[in-house]
C-alpha atoms as a PDB file:
ATOM      1  CA  MET A   1     106.105  48.704 169.905  1.00  0.00           C
ATOM      2  CA  ASN A   2     103.071  49.342 172.064  1.00  0.00           C
ATOM      3  CA  PRO A   3     101.217  52.677 172.414  1.00  0.00           C
ATOM      4  CA  GLU A   4     102.483  53.224 175.971  1.00  0.00           C
ATOM      5  CA  THR A   5     106.076  53.199 174.731  1.00  0.00           C
ATOM      6  CA  LEU A   6     105.216  55.757 172.043  1.00  0.00           C
ATOM      7  CA  ASP A   7     103.587  57.984 174.662  1.00  0.00           C
ATOM      8  CA  ARG A   8     106.458  57.654 177.114  1.00  0.00           C
ATOM      9  CA  TRP A   9     109.225  58.289 174.589  1.00  0.00           C
ATOM     10  CA  LYS A  10     107.214  61.005 172.778  1.00  0.00           C
ATOM     11  CA  ILE A  11     108.456  59.777 169.417  1.00  0.00           C
ATOM     12  CA  ILE A  12     105.750  61.427 167.290  1.00  0.00           C
ATOM     13  CA  PRO A  13     106.240  65.004 168.622  1.00  0.00           C
ATOM     14  CA  ARG A  14     110.009  64.698 168.334  1.00  0.00           C
ATOM     15  CA  VAL A  15     109.818  63.446 164.757  1.00  0.00           C
ATOM     16  CA  MET A  16     107.408  66.240 163.873  1.00  0.00           C
ATOM     17  CA  LEU A  17     109.741  68.828 165.406  1.00  0.00           C
ATOM     18  CA  LEU A  18     112.659  67.348 163.452  1.00  0.00           C
ATOM     19  CA  ILE A  19     110.681  67.564 160.199  1.00  0.00           C
ATOM     20  CA  MET A  20     109.666  71.154 160.944  1.00  0.00           C
ATOM     21  CA  THR A  21     113.308  72.012 161.637  1.00  0.00           C
ATOM     22  CA  CYS A  22     114.337  70.545 158.274  1.00  0.00           C
ATOM     23  CA  VAL A  23     111.634  72.545 156.472  1.00  0.00           C
ATOM     24  CA  TYR A  24     112.714  75.691 158.331  1.00  0.00           C
ATOM     25  CA  ILE A  25     116.322  75.178 157.276  1.00  0.00           C
ATOM     26  CA  ARG A  26     115.217  74.713 153.651  1.00  0.00           C
ATOM     27  CA  CYS A  27     113.197  77.966 153.841  1.00  0.00           C
ATOM     28  CA  ILE A  28     116.202  79.849 155.171  1.00  0.00           C
ATOM     29  CA  GLU A  29     118.375  78.372 152.391  1.00  0.00           C
ATOM     30  CA  TYR A  30     115.756  79.524 149.885  1.00  0.00           C
ATOM     31  CA  ALA A  31     115.788  83.058 151.297  1.00  0.00           C
ATOM     32  CA  ILE A  32     119.581  83.184 151.264  1.00  0.00           C
ATOM     33  CA  SER A  33     119.693  81.953 147.665  1.00  0.00           C
ATOM     34  CA  LEU A  34     117.527  84.889 146.588  1.00  0.00           C
ATOM     35  CA  GLY A  35     120.074  87.361 147.863  1.00  0.00           C
ATOM     36  CA  GLY A  36     118.615  90.798 148.389  1.00  0.00           C
ATOM     37  CA  ASP A  37     115.963  90.461 145.676  1.00  0.00           C
ATOM     38  CA  MET A  38     113.082  89.163 147.795  1.00  0.00           C
ATOM     39  CA  THR A  39     109.530  90.228 147.074  1.00  0.00           C
ATOM     40  CA  THR A  40     107.157  91.029 149.909  1.00  0.00           C
ATOM     41  CA  GLN A  41     105.407  87.698 149.405  1.00  0.00           C
ATOM     42  CA  GLN A  42     108.672  85.777 149.743  1.00  0.00           C
ATOM     43  CA  ALA A  43     109.637  87.746 152.837  1.00  0.00           C
ATOM     44  CA  SER A  44     106.189  87.062 154.298  1.00  0.00           C
ATOM     45  CA  LEU A  45     106.620  83.325 153.699  1.00  0.00           C
ATOM     46  CA  ILE A  46     109.919  83.303 155.587  1.00  0.00           C
ATOM     47  CA  SER A  47     108.372  85.378 158.375  1.00  0.00           C
ATOM     48  CA  VAL A  48     105.379  83.044 158.771  1.00  0.00           C
ATOM     49  CA  VAL A  49     107.544  79.911 158.765  1.00  0.00           C
ATOM     50  CA  THR A  50     109.902  81.464 161.327  1.00  0.00           C
ATOM     51  CA  GLY A  51     106.965  82.407 163.567  1.00  0.00           C
ATOM     52  CA  ALA A  52     105.467  78.931 163.304  1.00  0.00           C
ATOM     53  CA  MET A  53     108.787  77.325 164.138  1.00  0.00           C
ATOM     54  CA  THR A  54     109.308  79.598 167.127  1.00  0.00           C
ATOM     55  CA  GLY A  55     105.807  78.897 168.434  1.00  0.00           C
ATOM     56  CA  SER A  56     106.040  75.131 168.002  1.00  0.00           C
ATOM     57  CA  LEU A  57     109.432  75.018 169.687  1.00  0.00           C
ATOM     58  CA  ALA A  58     108.087  77.048 172.626  1.00  0.00           C
ATOM     59  CA  VAL A  59     105.092  74.732 173.011  1.00  0.00           C
ATOM     60  CA  PHE A  60     107.315  71.647 172.814  1.00  0.00           C
ATOM     61  CA  LEU A  61     109.798  72.974 175.378  1.00  0.00           C
ATOM     62  CA  ASN A  62     107.014  74.104 177.711  1.00  0.00           C
ATOM     63  CA  ALA A  63     105.439  70.652 177.557  1.00  0.00           C
ATOM     64  CA  GLU A  64     108.799  69.052 178.361  1.00  0.00           C
ATOM     65  CA  ALA A  65     109.319  71.424 181.303  1.00  0.00           C
ATOM     66  CA  LYS A  66     105.879  70.643 182.745  1.00  0.00           C
ATOM     67  CA  LYS A  67     106.584  66.928 182.451  1.00  0.00           C
ATOM     68  CA  GLY A  68     109.535  67.243 184.841  1.00  0.00           C
ATOM     69  CA  ASP A  69     107.642  69.467 187.295  1.00  0.00           C
ATOM     70  CA  THR A  70     106.470  67.298 190.203  1.00  0.00           C
ATOM     71  CA  LYS A  71     105.072  70.127 192.382  1.00  0.00           C
ATOM     72  CA  THR A  72     101.579  70.029 190.852  1.00  0.00           C
END
C-alpha cells in the first residue's frame, strides 16, 4: 500500500478515532462500575476523557466536512 492510498483513505485518523472510542467506552464502563462512590479524582478523569473525545470528534468531523467543500 503506497502513501497516497493511506492519505486518500485516511486510514490512520480513522483507526486513531476508533481506538479513542474504545478507550472512552472503557472509561464509561469503569465509571458505571463504581456506582455512586466516585472520588473527585475519578470524576475528573472521566470528565477529561469525555472532553478529549468530544474535541477530537469535532476536529475529525470538521476536517471531513472541509474535504467535501469545493467552494474554496
